[in-house]
Amino acid sequence: MKQYLDLVRNILDAGSLQENRTGIRTISMPGAMMKFDLQEGFPAVTTRKLAFKSAVGEMVGFLRGSRNASEFRELGCKVWDQNANENRQWLDNPYRLGTDDLGEIYGVQWRKWPAYKLLDSGNNNQIMDAVSKGYEKIAEISENGVQKVLLYKAIDQLKHCLDTIVHNPSDRRILFHAWNPAQLDEMALPPCHLLYQFLPNASKKELSLCLYIRSNDVGLGTPFNIAEGAVLLSLVARLTGFTPRWFTYFIGDAHIYENHLDMLREQLKREPYPSPKLIVSDRIPEFSKTGKYQPEWLEKIGPSDFSLENYLHHPPLTAPMAV
C-alpha cells in the first residue's frame, strides 16, 4: 500500500515534534489525505502483517453498538482493553460502569444517537409531528413559567444512511458521525474517526465513502482504520445494491509516536506487495441479486464473514499503543 508509506515519509519529512496527553511525544502534521480504489484491491498494509480479524471484530462491535471491552474481546479485538481498564482519567470517571466499560463510544452514537425535542406543551401540531416520527414523551417541565414537554428517541444514523442510499441515492447528506459534545465526558476515548459520508453514483451503481479522522496514530491506528472503513464500505454497498469504489481517508492531526519510529522505518525499507481481495461471505445477501433490501444484516454479521484472499505481507512488526 504505497499511499500509506508515502504518508509516513511525508510526516517524517514535514512534521514537527509535539507534546500530547499520553506523555509520549509525536511527530505531527496537520492535514493528510489518502484515496483508494476498491476495484483495484483491498487497501491492506503489506509491509507488515495487518491484524485484519481484530479490525473486523472492532467494526462488528461498532455495528452492534457495543460499549464493553469484553464484547470486543469476544469478537477477536483486544484493542479496547487498555482504554477500558488502564486509562486513569476513565477509571476515575463517575460515568464508568465498572470493569471493561467504555461508555457511549462509537457504535452507541452510530446506532442510538440520543435526540431530544423540548416543545411547548400547547403546540399540538409540533408534538403530534414529533410523535409520528418516533419521539416519545419522557417528561413535562416548566421553563420560565411556560409548560414544556420533553421528547426523546434514539436515532439509528447508520441505518438511515442505508435507507437513503436505497431510496434517494442523489442525496448529498448521507452521513453519520460520533461527535456528541454532550457525551464526550462519558466515553473512555472521544471518537477519532468521527465522520463518515457515503456518496452513491446511481448511474454507475458505485458507492464511495469519505472518512474524516480528527486525530490518527499513523503507526498503529491508520492501517487498522483503513481496513475498517473499506470493510464498512463493502458491506454497505452489498446491502444497498452498489459496487464499492472510492474510499477517501482524511486526517486532521496525522502523527507518529516516537516509540513507533523503528517500526515505521523498517517498513519504509520494505517493498509493498500487491493488494489482496476482500471476500465477503455468501450468507450476507446481495441486494443487487435478491432485490430485497435487508438492513437488519448490519447486526447479523460476524468477523468470520470477511476474509482476505491472496494477502501477501512482510513479517509482523509491533509497537506499544499510547493510552
C-alpha atoms as a PDB file:
ATOM      1  CA  MET A   1       0.000   0.000   0.000  1.00  0.00           C
ATOM      2  CA  LYS A   2       2.112   2.801  -1.389  1.00  0.00           C
ATOM      3  CA  GLN A   3      -0.228   5.580  -0.191  1.00  0.00           C
ATOM      4  CA  TYR A   4       0.428   4.640   3.437  1.00  0.00           C
ATOM      5  CA  LEU A   5       4.214   4.617   3.045  1.00  0.00           C
ATOM      6  CA  ASP A   6       4.053   7.995   1.277  1.00  0.00           C
ATOM      7  CA  LEU A   7       2.113   9.379   4.239  1.00  0.00           C
ATOM      8  CA  VAL A   8       4.711   8.078   6.703  1.00  0.00           C
ATOM      9  CA  ARG A   9       7.536   9.665   4.678  1.00  0.00           C
ATOM     10  CA  ASN A  10       5.646  12.938   4.453  1.00  0.00           C
ATOM     11  CA  ILE A  11       5.148  13.131   8.223  1.00  0.00           C
ATOM     12  CA  LEU A  12       8.801  12.311   8.887  1.00  0.00           C
ATOM     13  CA  ASP A  13       9.885  14.963   6.388  1.00  0.00           C
ATOM     14  CA  ALA A  14       7.412  17.747   7.172  1.00  0.00           C
ATOM     15  CA  GLY A  15       6.151  17.028  10.695  1.00  0.00           C
ATOM     16  CA  SER A  16       7.266  18.584  13.958  1.00  0.00           C
ATOM     17  CA  LEU A  17       7.733  17.257  17.494  1.00  0.00           C
ATOM     18  CA  GLN A  18       4.814  17.939  19.811  1.00  0.00           C
ATOM     19  CA  GLU A  19       3.715  17.070  23.329  1.00  0.00           C
ATOM     20  CA  ASN A  20       0.335  15.429  23.983  1.00  0.00           C
ATOM     21  CA  ARG A  21      -1.851  13.916  26.696  1.00  0.00           C
ATOM     22  CA  THR A  22      -0.157  10.468  26.563  1.00  0.00           C
ATOM     23  CA  GLY A  23       3.273  11.743  27.655  1.00  0.00           C
ATOM     24  CA  ILE A  24       4.899  10.218  24.550  1.00  0.00           C
ATOM     25  CA  ARG A  25       5.948  12.857  22.027  1.00  0.00           C
ATOM     26  CA  THR A  26       4.736  12.708  18.450  1.00  0.00           C
ATOM     27  CA  ILE A  27       5.949  13.895  15.091  1.00  0.00           C
ATOM     28  CA  SER A  28       2.766  15.589  13.909  1.00  0.00           C
ATOM     29  CA  MET A  29       1.496  17.073  10.661  1.00  0.00           C
ATOM     30  CA  PRO A  30      -1.798  18.916  10.143  1.00  0.00           C
ATOM     31  CA  GLY A  31      -3.925  17.669   7.275  1.00  0.00           C
ATOM     32  CA  ALA A  32      -3.396  14.467   5.301  1.00  0.00           C
ATOM     33  CA  MET A  33      -5.331  12.505   2.713  1.00  0.00           C
ATOM     34  CA  MET A  34      -5.201   9.099   1.021  1.00  0.00           C
ATOM     35  CA  LYS A  35      -7.504   7.734  -1.681  1.00  0.00           C
ATOM     36  CA  PHE A  36      -8.074   4.080  -2.532  1.00  0.00           C
ATOM     37  CA  ASP A  37      -9.892   2.481  -5.457  1.00  0.00           C
ATOM     38  CA  LEU A  38     -11.507  -0.656  -4.053  1.00  0.00           C
ATOM     39  CA  GLN A  39     -11.871  -2.017  -7.576  1.00  0.00           C
ATOM     40  CA  GLU A  40      -8.081  -2.374  -7.594  1.00  0.00           C
ATOM     41  CA  GLY A  41      -7.987  -4.416  -4.404  1.00  0.00           C
ATOM     42  CA  PHE A  42      -8.415  -4.147  -0.667  1.00  0.00           C
ATOM     43  CA  PRO A  43      -6.226  -1.446   0.984  1.00  0.00           C
ATOM     44  CA  ALA A  44      -4.398  -3.685   3.461  1.00  0.00           C
ATOM     45  CA  VAL A  45      -0.915  -2.716   4.600  1.00  0.00           C
ATOM     46  CA  THR A  46       1.570  -5.276   3.253  1.00  0.00           C
ATOM     47  CA  THR A  47       4.880  -4.017   4.691  1.00  0.00           C
ATOM     48  CA  ARG A  48       3.848  -5.747   7.903  1.00  0.00           C
ATOM     49  CA  LYS A  49       1.004  -8.077   8.818  1.00  0.00           C
ATOM     50  CA  LEU A  50      -2.360  -6.383   9.270  1.00  0.00           C
ATOM     51  CA  ALA A  51      -4.435  -7.500  12.269  1.00  0.00           C
ATOM     52  CA  PHE A  52      -7.360  -7.970   9.907  1.00  0.00           C
ATOM     53  CA  LYS A  53      -9.569 -10.114  12.144  1.00  0.00           C
ATOM     54  CA  SER A  54      -9.116  -7.691  15.018  1.00  0.00           C
ATOM     55  CA  ALA A  55     -10.052  -4.741  12.790  1.00  0.00           C
ATOM     56  CA  VAL A  56     -13.152  -6.527  11.520  1.00  0.00           C
ATOM     57  CA  GLY A  57     -14.029  -7.571  15.073  1.00  0.00           C
ATOM     58  CA  GLU A  58     -13.939  -3.936  16.168  1.00  0.00           C
ATOM     59  CA  MET A  59     -16.126  -2.888  13.245  1.00  0.00           C
ATOM     60  CA  VAL A  60     -18.660  -5.611  14.080  1.00  0.00           C
ATOM     61  CA  GLY A  61     -18.694  -4.388  17.680  1.00  0.00           C
ATOM     62  CA  PHE A  62     -19.412  -0.853  16.498  1.00  0.00           C
ATOM     63  CA  LEU A  63     -22.246  -2.089  14.276  1.00  0.00           C
ATOM     64  CA  ARG A  64     -23.771  -3.850  17.285  1.00  0.00           C
ATOM     65  CA  GLY A  65     -23.499  -0.729  19.427  1.00  0.00           C
ATOM     66  CA  SER A  66     -21.126  -2.366  21.913  1.00  0.00           C
ATOM     67  CA  ARG A  67     -19.778  -0.344  24.840  1.00  0.00           C
ATOM     68  CA  ASN A  68     -17.899  -3.034  26.749  1.00  0.00           C
ATOM     69  CA  ALA A  69     -14.347  -4.278  26.124  1.00  0.00           C
ATOM     70  CA  SER A  70     -15.400  -7.860  26.873  1.00  0.00           C
ATOM     71  CA  GLU A  71     -17.799  -7.753  23.919  1.00  0.00           C
ATOM     72  CA  PHE A  72     -14.968  -6.635  21.642  1.00  0.00           C
ATOM     73  CA  ARG A  73     -12.702  -9.401  23.003  1.00  0.00           C
ATOM     74  CA  GLU A  74     -15.367 -11.969  22.152  1.00  0.00           C
ATOM     75  CA  LEU A  75     -15.221 -10.650  18.588  1.00  0.00           C
ATOM     76  CA  GLY A  76     -11.429 -11.107  18.471  1.00  0.00           C
ATOM     77  CA  CYS A  77     -10.496  -7.496  19.189  1.00  0.00           C
ATOM     78  CA  LYS A  78      -8.440  -6.593  22.273  1.00  0.00           C
ATOM     79  CA  VAL A  79      -7.515  -3.024  21.371  1.00  0.00           C
ATOM     80  CA  TRP A  80     -10.063  -1.545  23.795  1.00  0.00           C
ATOM     81  CA  ASP A  81      -8.775  -3.339  26.913  1.00  0.00           C
ATOM     82  CA  GLN A  82      -6.290  -0.640  27.900  1.00  0.00           C
ATOM     83  CA  ASN A  83      -8.680   2.249  27.338  1.00  0.00           C
ATOM     84  CA  ALA A  84     -11.329   0.483  29.403  1.00  0.00           C
ATOM     85  CA  ASN A  85      -9.173  -0.613  32.330  1.00  0.00           C
ATOM     86  CA  GLU A  86      -5.845   1.276  32.336  1.00  0.00           C
ATOM     87  CA  ASN A  87      -6.776   4.835  31.428  1.00  0.00           C
ATOM     88  CA  ARG A  88      -6.537   6.720  34.745  1.00  0.00           C
ATOM     89  CA  GLN A  89      -8.864   9.528  33.678  1.00  0.00           C
ATOM     90  CA  TRP A  90     -11.512   6.996  32.692  1.00  0.00           C
ATOM     91  CA  LEU A  91     -11.004   4.863  35.796  1.00  0.00           C
ATOM     92  CA  ASP A  92     -11.827   7.932  37.911  1.00  0.00           C
ATOM     93  CA  ASN A  93     -14.772   8.961  35.724  1.00  0.00           C
ATOM     94  CA  PRO A  94     -18.171   8.805  37.525  1.00  0.00           C
ATOM     95  CA  TYR A  95     -19.843   7.631  34.300  1.00  0.00           C
ATOM     96  CA  ARG A  96     -17.734   4.447  34.130  1.00  0.00           C
ATOM     97  CA  LEU A  97     -19.879   1.416  34.952  1.00  0.00           C
ATOM     98  CA  GLY A  98     -17.090  -0.882  36.128  1.00  0.00           C
ATOM     99  CA  THR A  99     -14.575  -3.295  34.632  1.00  0.00           C
ATOM    100  CA  ASP A 100     -14.446  -3.288  30.823  1.00  0.00           C
ATOM    101  CA  ASP A 101     -16.979  -0.475  30.463  1.00  0.00           C
ATOM    102  CA  LEU A 102     -16.132   2.023  27.709  1.00  0.00           C
ATOM    103  CA  GLY A 103     -19.042   4.402  27.897  1.00  0.00           C
ATOM    104  CA  GLU A 104     -21.005   5.835  24.991  1.00  0.00           C
ATOM    105  CA  ILE A 105     -18.344   5.128  22.322  1.00  0.00           C
ATOM    106  CA  TYR A 106     -18.625   4.890  18.552  1.00  0.00           C
ATOM    107  CA  GLY A 107     -21.279   2.248  17.992  1.00  0.00           C
ATOM    108  CA  VAL A 108     -23.638   3.696  20.577  1.00  0.00           C
ATOM    109  CA  GLN A 109     -23.549   7.030  18.750  1.00  0.00           C
ATOM    110  CA  TRP A 110     -23.820   5.368  15.336  1.00  0.00           C
ATOM    111  CA  ARG A 111     -26.825   3.224  16.147  1.00  0.00           C
ATOM    112  CA  LYS A 112     -28.537   5.009  19.079  1.00  0.00           C
ATOM    113  CA  TRP A 113     -27.839   8.724  18.774  1.00  0.00           C
ATOM    114  CA  PRO A 114     -29.774  10.453  21.599  1.00  0.00           C
ATOM    115  CA  ALA A 115     -32.178  13.018  20.112  1.00  0.00           C
ATOM    116  CA  TYR A 116     -34.357  15.361  22.178  1.00  0.00           C
ATOM    117  CA  LYS A 117     -37.059  17.924  21.477  1.00  0.00           C
ATOM    118  CA  LEU A 118     -38.288  20.441  24.035  1.00  0.00           C
ATOM    119  CA  LEU A 119     -41.651  21.773  22.846  1.00  0.00           C
ATOM    120  CA  ASP A 120     -44.367  23.983  24.234  1.00  0.00           C
ATOM    121  CA  SER A 121     -46.997  21.712  25.733  1.00  0.00           C
ATOM    122  CA  GLY A 122     -49.717  23.680  23.952  1.00  0.00           C
ATOM    123  CA  ASN A 123     -48.222  23.241  20.466  1.00  0.00           C
ATOM    124  CA  ASN A 124     -50.109  20.096  19.497  1.00  0.00           C
ATOM    125  CA  ASN A 125     -49.045  20.224  15.844  1.00  0.00           C
ATOM    126  CA  GLN A 126     -45.347  20.046  16.717  1.00  0.00           C
ATOM    127  CA  ILE A 127     -45.890  17.393  19.369  1.00  0.00           C
ATOM    128  CA  MET A 128     -48.003  15.221  17.040  1.00  0.00           C
ATOM    129  CA  ASP A 129     -45.395  15.587  14.280  1.00  0.00           C
ATOM    130  CA  ALA A 130     -42.577  14.539  16.627  1.00  0.00           C
ATOM    131  CA  VAL A 131     -44.556  11.556  17.925  1.00  0.00           C
ATOM    132  CA  SER A 132     -45.323  10.478  14.343  1.00  0.00           C
ATOM    133  CA  LYS A 133     -41.537  10.423  13.744  1.00  0.00           C
ATOM    134  CA  GLY A 134     -40.875   8.120  16.669  1.00  0.00           C
ATOM    135  CA  TYR A 135     -40.314  10.532  19.553  1.00  0.00           C
ATOM    136  CA  GLU A 136     -41.736   9.648  22.951  1.00  0.00           C
ATOM    137  CA  LYS A 137     -42.749  11.997  25.735  1.00  0.00           C
ATOM    138  CA  ILE A 138     -40.460  11.478  28.705  1.00  0.00           C
ATOM    139  CA  ALA A 139     -41.159  14.481  30.930  1.00  0.00           C
ATOM    140  CA  GLU A 140     -43.149  17.650  31.419  1.00  0.00           C
ATOM    141  CA  ILE A 141     -41.329  20.676  32.800  1.00  0.00           C
ATOM    142  CA  SER A 142     -41.849  24.361  33.415  1.00  0.00           C
ATOM    143  CA  GLU A 143     -39.415  26.803  31.826  1.00  0.00           C
ATOM    144  CA  ASN A 144     -39.776  30.480  32.755  1.00  0.00           C
ATOM    145  CA  GLY A 145     -43.394  29.850  33.596  1.00  0.00           C
ATOM    146  CA  VAL A 146     -44.127  28.108  30.284  1.00  0.00           C
ATOM    147  CA  GLN A 147     -45.157  24.463  30.325  1.00  0.00           C
ATOM    148  CA  LYS A 148     -42.944  22.304  28.125  1.00  0.00           C
ATOM    149  CA  VAL A 149     -42.881  18.687  27.086  1.00  0.00           C
ATOM    150  CA  LEU A 150     -39.585  16.823  26.615  1.00  0.00           C
ATOM    151  CA  LEU A 151     -39.484  14.136  23.908  1.00  0.00           C
ATOM    152  CA  TYR A 152     -36.764  11.617  23.082  1.00  0.00           C
ATOM    153  CA  LYS A 153     -35.831   8.984  20.527  1.00  0.00           C
ATOM    154  CA  ALA A 154     -32.695   7.013  19.662  1.00  0.00           C
ATOM    155  CA  ILE A 155     -31.681   7.603  16.036  1.00  0.00           C
ATOM    156  CA  ASP A 156     -30.023   4.822  14.068  1.00  0.00           C
ATOM    157  CA  GLN A 157     -27.752   7.033  11.973  1.00  0.00           C
ATOM    158  CA  LEU A 158     -26.201   4.170  10.027  1.00  0.00           C
ATOM    159  CA  LYS A 159     -29.497   2.550   9.043  1.00  0.00           C
ATOM    160  CA  HIS A 160     -30.743   5.970   7.978  1.00  0.00           C
ATOM    161  CA  CYS A 161     -27.753   6.147   5.617  1.00  0.00           C
ATOM    162  CA  LEU A 162     -28.631   2.791   4.077  1.00  0.00           C
ATOM    163  CA  ASP A 163     -32.274   3.788   3.725  1.00  0.00           C
ATOM    164  CA  THR A 164     -31.269   6.970   1.908  1.00  0.00           C
ATOM    165  CA  ILE A 165     -28.799   5.191  -0.391  1.00  0.00           C
ATOM    166  CA  VAL A 166     -31.581   2.832  -1.482  1.00  0.00           C
ATOM    167  CA  HIS A 167     -34.446   5.308  -1.731  1.00  0.00           C
ATOM    168  CA  ASN A 168     -32.746   8.632  -2.543  1.00  0.00           C
ATOM    169  CA  PRO A 169     -29.211   7.989  -3.848  1.00  0.00           C
ATOM    170  CA  SER A 170     -28.855  11.539  -5.214  1.00  0.00           C
ATOM    171  CA  ASP A 171     -28.940  12.935  -1.665  1.00  0.00           C
ATOM    172  CA  ARG A 172     -25.659  14.642  -0.713  1.00  0.00           C
ATOM    173  CA  ARG A 173     -26.300  14.404   3.027  1.00  0.00           C
ATOM    174  CA  ILE A 174     -25.796  10.676   3.548  1.00  0.00           C
ATOM    175  CA  LEU A 175     -23.536  10.732   6.569  1.00  0.00           C
ATOM    176  CA  PHE A 176     -23.194   9.718  10.188  1.00  0.00           C
ATOM    177  CA  HIS A 177     -20.856  10.780  12.967  1.00  0.00           C
ATOM    178  CA  ALA A 178     -19.953  10.120  16.586  1.00  0.00           C
ATOM    179  CA  TRP A 179     -19.021  13.574  17.906  1.00  0.00           C
ATOM    180  CA  ASN A 180     -21.590  14.279  20.604  1.00  0.00           C
ATOM    181  CA  PRO A 181     -20.318  17.189  22.750  1.00  0.00           C
ATOM    182  CA  ALA A 182     -22.851  16.411  25.482  1.00  0.00           C
ATOM    183  CA  GLN A 183     -21.398  12.922  25.942  1.00  0.00           C
ATOM    184  CA  LEU A 184     -17.653  13.351  25.412  1.00  0.00           C
ATOM    185  CA  ASP A 185     -17.061  13.039  29.148  1.00  0.00           C
ATOM    186  CA  GLU A 186     -19.000   9.759  29.161  1.00  0.00           C
ATOM    187  CA  MET A 187     -16.518   7.902  26.929  1.00  0.00           C
ATOM    188  CA  ALA A 188     -13.243   6.127  27.650  1.00  0.00           C
ATOM    189  CA  LEU A 189     -11.877   7.756  24.485  1.00  0.00           C
ATOM    190  CA  PRO A 190     -13.530  10.554  22.486  1.00  0.00           C
ATOM    191  CA  PRO A 191     -14.052   9.434  18.873  1.00  0.00           C
ATOM    192  CA  CYS A 192     -11.126   9.781  16.477  1.00  0.00           C
ATOM    193  CA  HIS A 193     -12.734   8.505  13.258  1.00  0.00           C
ATOM    194  CA  LEU A 194     -15.785  10.648  13.626  1.00  0.00           C
ATOM    195  CA  LEU A 195     -17.437  11.495  10.297  1.00  0.00           C
ATOM    196  CA  TYR A 196     -18.415   9.092   7.511  1.00  0.00           C
ATOM    197  CA  GLN A 197     -20.077  10.280   4.290  1.00  0.00           C
ATOM    198  CA  PHE A 198     -21.433   7.881   1.655  1.00  0.00           C
ATOM    199  CA  LEU A 199     -21.530   9.081  -1.952  1.00  0.00           C
ATOM    200  CA  PRO A 200     -23.618   6.942  -4.329  1.00  0.00           C
ATOM    201  CA  ASN A 201     -23.231   7.176  -8.093  1.00  0.00           C
ATOM    202  CA  ALA A 202     -26.634   5.971  -9.249  1.00  0.00           C
ATOM    203  CA  SER A 203     -25.729   5.909 -12.951  1.00  0.00           C
ATOM    204  CA  LYS A 204     -22.710   3.663 -12.393  1.00  0.00           C
ATOM    205  CA  LYS A 205     -24.185   1.871  -9.353  1.00  0.00           C
ATOM    206  CA  GLU A 206     -20.993   2.661  -7.449  1.00  0.00           C
ATOM    207  CA  LEU A 207     -20.758   3.651  -3.800  1.00  0.00           C
ATOM    208  CA  SER A 208     -17.879   5.686  -2.373  1.00  0.00           C
ATOM    209  CA  LEU A 209     -17.015   6.723   1.158  1.00  0.00           C
ATOM    210  CA  CYS A 210     -15.221   9.711   2.663  1.00  0.00           C
ATOM    211  CA  LEU A 211     -13.933   9.303   6.220  1.00  0.00           C
ATOM    212  CA  TYR A 212     -12.682  12.184   8.350  1.00  0.00           C
ATOM    213  CA  ILE A 213     -10.446  11.347  11.309  1.00  0.00           C
ATOM    214  CA  ARG A 214      -9.702  14.181  13.730  1.00  0.00           C
ATOM    215  CA  SER A 215      -6.543  12.559  15.169  1.00  0.00           C
ATOM    216  CA  ASN A 216      -4.763   9.450  13.904  1.00  0.00           C
ATOM    217  CA  ASP A 217      -1.907   7.332  15.253  1.00  0.00           C
ATOM    218  CA  VAL A 218      -0.312   6.630  11.877  1.00  0.00           C
ATOM    219  CA  GLY A 219       1.896   3.825  13.168  1.00  0.00           C
ATOM    220  CA  LEU A 220      -0.825   1.627  14.654  1.00  0.00           C
ATOM    221  CA  GLY A 221      -4.214   3.230  14.071  1.00  0.00           C
ATOM    222  CA  THR A 222      -4.144   4.205  10.417  1.00  0.00           C
ATOM    223  CA  PRO A 223      -3.761   0.725   8.819  1.00  0.00           C
ATOM    224  CA  PHE A 224      -6.402  -0.585  11.246  1.00  0.00           C
ATOM    225  CA  ASN A 225      -8.869   2.220  10.463  1.00  0.00           C
ATOM    226  CA  ILE A 226      -8.313   1.978   6.716  1.00  0.00           C
ATOM    227  CA  ALA A 227      -9.221  -1.705   6.837  1.00  0.00           C
ATOM    228  CA  GLU A 228     -12.337  -0.995   8.907  1.00  0.00           C
ATOM    229  CA  GLY A 229     -13.541   1.740   6.583  1.00  0.00           C
ATOM    230  CA  ALA A 230     -13.000  -0.407   3.488  1.00  0.00           C
ATOM    231  CA  VAL A 231     -14.918  -3.292   5.077  1.00  0.00           C
ATOM    232  CA  LEU A 232     -17.769  -0.971   6.064  1.00  0.00           C
ATOM    233  CA  LEU A 233     -17.975   0.487   2.555  1.00  0.00           C
ATOM    234  CA  SER A 234     -18.015  -3.006   1.057  1.00  0.00           C
ATOM    235  CA  LEU A 235     -20.747  -4.159   3.434  1.00  0.00           C
ATOM    236  CA  VAL A 236     -22.986  -1.136   2.909  1.00  0.00           C
ATOM    237  CA  ALA A 237     -22.554  -1.396  -0.867  1.00  0.00           C
ATOM    238  CA  ARG A 238     -23.562  -5.062  -0.759  1.00  0.00           C
ATOM    239  CA  LEU A 239     -26.674  -4.370   1.322  1.00  0.00           C
ATOM    240  CA  THR A 240     -27.800  -1.465  -0.891  1.00  0.00           C
ATOM    241  CA  GLY A 241     -27.111  -2.864  -4.360  1.00  0.00           C
ATOM    242  CA  PHE A 242     -23.990  -0.894  -5.235  1.00  0.00           C
ATOM    243  CA  THR A 243     -20.379  -1.715  -6.076  1.00  0.00           C
ATOM    244  CA  PRO A 244     -17.793  -0.307  -3.624  1.00  0.00           C
ATOM    245  CA  ARG A 245     -15.481   2.157  -5.351  1.00  0.00           C
ATOM    246  CA  TRP A 246     -13.560   5.125  -3.900  1.00  0.00           C
ATOM    247  CA  PHE A 247     -12.528   5.281  -0.255  1.00  0.00           C
ATOM    248  CA  THR A 248     -11.065   8.675   0.650  1.00  0.00           C
ATOM    249  CA  TYR A 249      -9.343   8.966   4.021  1.00  0.00           C
ATOM    250  CA  PHE A 250      -8.812  12.388   5.601  1.00  0.00           C
ATOM    251  CA  ILE A 251      -6.794  13.026   8.769  1.00  0.00           C
ATOM    252  CA  GLY A 252      -6.822  16.253  10.801  1.00  0.00           C
ATOM    253  CA  ASP A 253      -3.839  15.603  13.087  1.00  0.00           C
ATOM    254  CA  ALA A 254      -1.643  12.915  11.498  1.00  0.00           C
ATOM    255  CA  HIS A 255       1.045  11.847  13.942  1.00  0.00           C
ATOM    256  CA  ILE A 256       3.727   9.270  14.614  1.00  0.00           C
ATOM    257  CA  TYR A 257       4.694   8.418  18.200  1.00  0.00           C
ATOM    258  CA  GLU A 258       8.414   8.480  18.932  1.00  0.00           C
ATOM    259  CA  ASN A 259       8.353   4.866  20.130  1.00  0.00           C
ATOM    260  CA  HIS A 260       6.916   3.789  16.745  1.00  0.00           C
ATOM    261  CA  LEU A 261       9.782   5.187  14.686  1.00  0.00           C
ATOM    262  CA  ASP A 262      11.804   1.967  14.500  1.00  0.00           C
ATOM    263  CA  MET A 263       8.751   0.012  13.319  1.00  0.00           C
ATOM    264  CA  LEU A 264       7.924   2.530  10.605  1.00  0.00           C
ATOM    265  CA  ARG A 265      11.495   2.993   9.408  1.00  0.00           C
ATOM    266  CA  GLU A 266      11.728  -0.763   8.950  1.00  0.00           C
ATOM    267  CA  GLN A 267       8.555  -0.698   6.868  1.00  0.00           C
ATOM    268  CA  LEU A 268       9.951   2.037   4.651  1.00  0.00           C
ATOM    269  CA  LYS A 269      12.756  -0.355   3.689  1.00  0.00           C
ATOM    270  CA  ARG A 270      10.245  -2.956   2.514  1.00  0.00           C
ATOM    271  CA  GLU A 271       8.684  -3.176  -0.928  1.00  0.00           C
ATOM    272  CA  PRO A 272       4.850  -3.370  -0.820  1.00  0.00           C
ATOM    273  CA  TYR A 273       3.108  -6.441  -2.230  1.00  0.00           C
ATOM    274  CA  PRO A 274       0.043  -6.287  -4.498  1.00  0.00           C
ATOM    275  CA  SER A 275      -3.246  -5.581  -2.751  1.00  0.00           C
ATOM    276  CA  PRO A 276      -5.316  -8.599  -1.669  1.00  0.00           C
ATOM    277  CA  LYS A 277      -9.003  -9.137  -2.428  1.00  0.00           C
ATOM    278  CA  LEU A 278     -11.772  -8.865   0.158  1.00  0.00           C
ATOM    279  CA  ILE A 279     -14.020 -11.920   0.306  1.00  0.00           C
ATOM    280  CA  VAL A 280     -17.483 -11.410   1.792  1.00  0.00           C
ATOM    281  CA  SER A 281     -19.429 -14.457   2.957  1.00  0.00           C
ATOM    282  CA  ASP A 282     -22.198 -15.696   0.667  1.00  0.00           C
ATOM    283  CA  ARG A 283     -24.548 -15.742   3.631  1.00  0.00           C
ATOM    284  CA  ILE A 284     -24.708 -11.924   3.572  1.00  0.00           C
ATOM    285  CA  PRO A 285     -27.381 -11.145   0.935  1.00  0.00           C
ATOM    286  CA  GLU A 286     -26.568  -9.030  -2.111  1.00  0.00           C
ATOM    287  CA  PHE A 287     -29.393  -6.591  -2.736  1.00  0.00           C
ATOM    288  CA  SER A 288     -28.386  -6.333  -6.406  1.00  0.00           C
ATOM    289  CA  LYS A 289     -29.131 -10.063  -6.805  1.00  0.00           C
ATOM    290  CA  THR A 290     -32.026 -10.642  -4.411  1.00  0.00           C
ATOM    291  CA  GLY A 291     -33.877  -7.371  -4.982  1.00  0.00           C
ATOM    292  CA  LYS A 292     -34.719  -7.489  -1.277  1.00  0.00           C
ATOM    293  CA  TYR A 293     -33.494  -4.729   0.998  1.00  0.00           C
ATOM    294  CA  GLN A 294     -32.326  -6.252   4.303  1.00  0.00           C
ATOM    295  CA  PRO A 295     -30.609  -3.624   6.533  1.00  0.00           C
ATOM    296  CA  GLU A 296     -31.046  -5.901   9.558  1.00  0.00           C
ATOM    297  CA  TRP A 297     -27.861  -7.639   8.420  1.00  0.00           C
ATOM    298  CA  LEU A 298     -25.929  -4.775   9.995  1.00  0.00           C
ATOM    299  CA  GLU A 299     -26.459  -6.599  13.301  1.00  0.00           C
ATOM    300  CA  LYS A 300     -26.164 -10.141  11.944  1.00  0.00           C
ATOM    301  CA  ILE A 301     -22.666 -10.094  10.501  1.00  0.00           C
ATOM    302  CA  GLY A 302     -19.685 -11.585  12.320  1.00  0.00           C
ATOM    303  CA  PRO A 303     -15.898 -11.356  11.938  1.00  0.00           C
ATOM    304  CA  SER A 304     -15.825 -14.678  10.069  1.00  0.00           C
ATOM    305  CA  ASP A 305     -17.931 -13.158   7.267  1.00  0.00           C
ATOM    306  CA  PHE A 306     -14.879 -11.328   5.925  1.00  0.00           C
ATOM    307  CA  SER A 307     -11.502 -12.631   4.787  1.00  0.00           C
ATOM    308  CA  LEU A 308      -8.607 -11.598   2.576  1.00  0.00           C
ATOM    309  CA  GLU A 309      -7.616 -13.595  -0.486  1.00  0.00           C
ATOM    310  CA  ASN A 310      -4.011 -13.561  -1.745  1.00  0.00           C
ATOM    311  CA  TYR A 311      -2.826 -11.447   1.166  1.00  0.00           C
ATOM    312  CA  LEU A 312       0.970 -11.373   0.936  1.00  0.00           C
ATOM    313  CA  HIS A 313       2.766  -9.433   3.632  1.00  0.00           C
ATOM    314  CA  HIS A 314       6.175  -8.927   5.208  1.00  0.00           C
ATOM    315  CA  PRO A 315       6.901 -10.265   8.727  1.00  0.00           C
ATOM    316  CA  PRO A 316       4.899  -8.769  11.615  1.00  0.00           C
ATOM    317  CA  LEU A 317       6.129  -5.675  13.466  1.00  0.00           C
ATOM    318  CA  THR A 318       4.834  -4.455  16.804  1.00  0.00           C
ATOM    319  CA  ALA A 319       4.934  -1.292  18.901  1.00  0.00           C
ATOM    320  CA  PRO A 320       3.206  -0.207  22.140  1.00  0.00           C
ATOM    321  CA  MET A 321      -0.072   1.704  21.977  1.00  0.00           C
ATOM    322  CA  ALA A 322      -0.144   5.104  23.676  1.00  0.00           C
ATOM    323  CA  VAL A 323      -3.113   5.462  26.030  1.00  0.00           C
END
